[in-house]
Structures are given as C-alpha cells and as structure tokens.
Amino acid sequence: MVRAVQTSELRSELLGARAAVLDARVAIYSVNFGEASRHLEGARGLLGRADERLKRLGRDDELKHVQTAMAGIDDAQRMAGKLDQSANSRAGETAKMIADVLDAEARR
C-alpha cells in the first residue's frame, strides 16, 4: 500500500513538473521570460522531490532521466535569463524527457 502511494505521488510530481515546463514554453513564446523562469523554478522543485522519491524507491534508470531533465531546466532557465528564444526548444526537450519517465512509470 505504501509503495502504491509513493508511486502515485511520484506520478503527480512528474505530471506537475511537465505541466510547469510546458507553461514555461508558452511564456517564452509570449516573450514573458520572467514568467517562464518562475514556471521553470516550480518544475525544478517538483523534479527535486521526484528525484528523492526515485532514490528511495531504488529506480536508478528513471532517476538518471530526472536528473538529466533537471539539468535541462537549468539550461532553459539560464537561456530565458538571457532573453534567448532557444530556451523554448530546450524546455521542449526537457518536457519530452519527463514524459519518457512518466511512460516508464506507467509500464511498471
């Protein structure tokens, strides 16, 4: 039962992080880099919690993908801070990485 709750909470964190990254993409497209940065910061927090949960669950493969996604968020946020539109594509790659982890979780 405890494991099922942890898995459900993990899925919620991953879905929230993905939604925040997608919201950041919309903000970047709208040339609102401040809002994009806030969304990316929110995604980073959610992925940080997912990272800890994956460590506790011993899911090393998914953990690596989440850590790569966190690095992607850092890159996108750095680009957004420089008012660089390519932050949009980096955020898109990051959203895809998170979606891949969600798919892996769904197959468990």
Protein backbone atom coordinates (compact mmCIF):
# COMPACT_ATOMS: atom_id res chain seq x y z
CA MET A 1 0.00 0.00 0.00
CA VAL A 2 2.80 2.40 0.93
CA ARG A 3 4.59 1.72 -2.35
CA ALA A 4 1.40 2.42 -4.32
CA VAL A 5 1.02 5.78 -2.56
CA GLN A 6 4.66 6.65 -3.26
CA THR A 7 4.24 5.74 -6.92
CA SER A 8 1.09 7.86 -7.14
CA GLU A 9 2.84 10.83 -5.54
CA LEU A 10 5.79 10.37 -7.90
CA ARG A 11 3.46 10.44 -10.89
CA SER A 12 1.81 13.59 -9.56
CA GLU A 13 5.20 15.32 -9.16
CA LEU A 14 6.26 14.32 -12.67
CA LEU A 15 2.97 15.48 -14.20
CA GLY A 16 3.22 18.79 -12.33
CA ALA A 17 6.81 19.30 -13.46
CA ARG A 18 5.92 18.56 -17.06
CA ALA A 19 2.98 20.97 -16.93
CA ALA A 20 5.21 23.68 -15.46
CA VAL A 21 7.80 23.20 -18.22
CA LEU A 22 5.08 23.38 -20.86
CA ASP A 23 3.74 26.55 -19.21
CA ALA A 24 7.27 27.96 -19.39
CA ARG A 25 7.34 27.23 -23.13
CA VAL A 26 4.12 29.21 -23.59
CA ALA A 27 5.58 32.09 -21.58
CA ILE A 28 8.78 32.05 -23.66
CA TYR A 29 6.73 32.02 -26.85
CA SER A 30 4.85 35.05 -25.47
CA VAL A 31 8.21 36.70 -24.72
CA ASN A 32 7.49 36.70 -20.98
CA PHE A 33 10.83 35.45 -19.72
CA GLY A 34 10.15 36.33 -16.08
CA GLU A 35 7.06 34.14 -16.01
CA ALA A 36 8.94 31.40 -17.84
CA SER A 37 11.65 31.47 -15.19
CA ARG A 38 9.04 31.13 -12.41
CA HIS A 39 7.48 28.13 -14.14
CA LEU A 40 10.89 26.51 -14.59
CA GLU A 41 11.69 27.11 -10.93
CA GLY A 42 8.45 25.37 -9.97
CA ALA A 43 9.32 22.45 -12.25
CA ARG A 44 12.77 22.22 -10.65
CA GLY A 45 11.19 21.92 -7.19
CA LEU A 46 8.82 19.18 -8.31
CA LEU A 47 11.60 17.26 -10.05
CA GLY A 48 13.74 17.61 -6.93
CA ARG A 49 11.03 15.85 -4.92
CA ALA A 50 10.67 13.23 -7.66
CA ASP A 51 14.44 12.73 -7.58
CA GLU A 52 14.36 12.00 -3.84
CA ARG A 53 11.38 9.67 -4.22
CA LEU A 54 13.09 7.72 -7.03
CA LYS A 55 16.17 7.31 -4.85
CA ARG A 56 14.04 5.89 -2.04
CA LEU A 57 12.27 3.55 -4.48
CA GLY A 58 15.59 2.41 -5.97
CA ARG A 59 14.63 3.28 -9.55
CA ASP A 60 18.03 4.20 -10.93
CA ASP A 61 17.08 4.32 -14.63
CA GLU A 62 14.28 6.83 -14.08
CA LEU A 63 16.47 8.74 -11.63
CA LYS A 64 19.07 9.37 -14.35
CA HIS A 65 16.39 10.74 -16.68
CA VAL A 66 15.01 13.04 -13.98
CA GLN A 67 18.49 14.35 -13.22
CA THR A 68 19.05 15.00 -16.93
CA ALA A 69 15.72 16.82 -17.06
CA MET A 70 16.77 18.95 -14.07
CA ALA A 71 19.93 19.93 -15.96
CA GLY A 72 17.72 20.81 -18.96
CA ILE A 73 15.63 23.06 -16.74
CA ASP A 74 18.80 24.79 -15.55
CA ASP A 75 19.86 25.35 -19.17
CA ALA A 76 16.43 26.63 -20.20
CA GLN A 77 16.27 28.97 -17.23
CA ARG A 78 19.75 30.31 -17.96
CA MET A 79 18.73 30.93 -21.59
CA ALA A 80 15.50 32.60 -20.51
CA GLY A 81 17.53 34.86 -18.22
CA LYS A 82 19.43 35.99 -21.31
CA LEU A 83 16.14 36.54 -23.19
CA ASP A 84 17.14 33.75 -25.57
CA GLN A 85 14.22 32.24 -27.52
CA SER A 86 16.11 28.95 -27.85
CA ALA A 87 15.11 28.36 -24.23
CA ASN A 88 11.81 27.24 -25.75
CA SER A 89 13.36 24.30 -27.59
CA ARG A 90 15.45 23.32 -24.54
CA ALA A 91 12.31 23.36 -22.41
CA GLY A 92 10.60 21.21 -25.05
CA GLU A 93 13.39 18.64 -24.85
CA THR A 94 13.06 18.66 -21.08
CA ALA A 95 9.30 18.12 -21.25
CA LYS A 96 9.94 15.13 -23.51
CA MET A 97 12.41 13.67 -21.00
CA ILE A 98 9.84 13.99 -18.24
CA ALA A 99 7.19 12.39 -20.47
CA ASP A 100 9.56 9.47 -21.06
CA VAL A 101 9.89 8.93 -17.29
CA LEU A 102 6.10 9.07 -16.97
CA ASP A 103 5.80 6.43 -19.70
CA ALA A 104 8.31 4.21 -17.91
CA GLU A 105 6.32 4.58 -14.69
CA ALA A 106 3.08 3.72 -16.46
CA ARG A 107 4.60 0.48 -17.77
CA ARG A 108 5.57 -0.68 -14.25
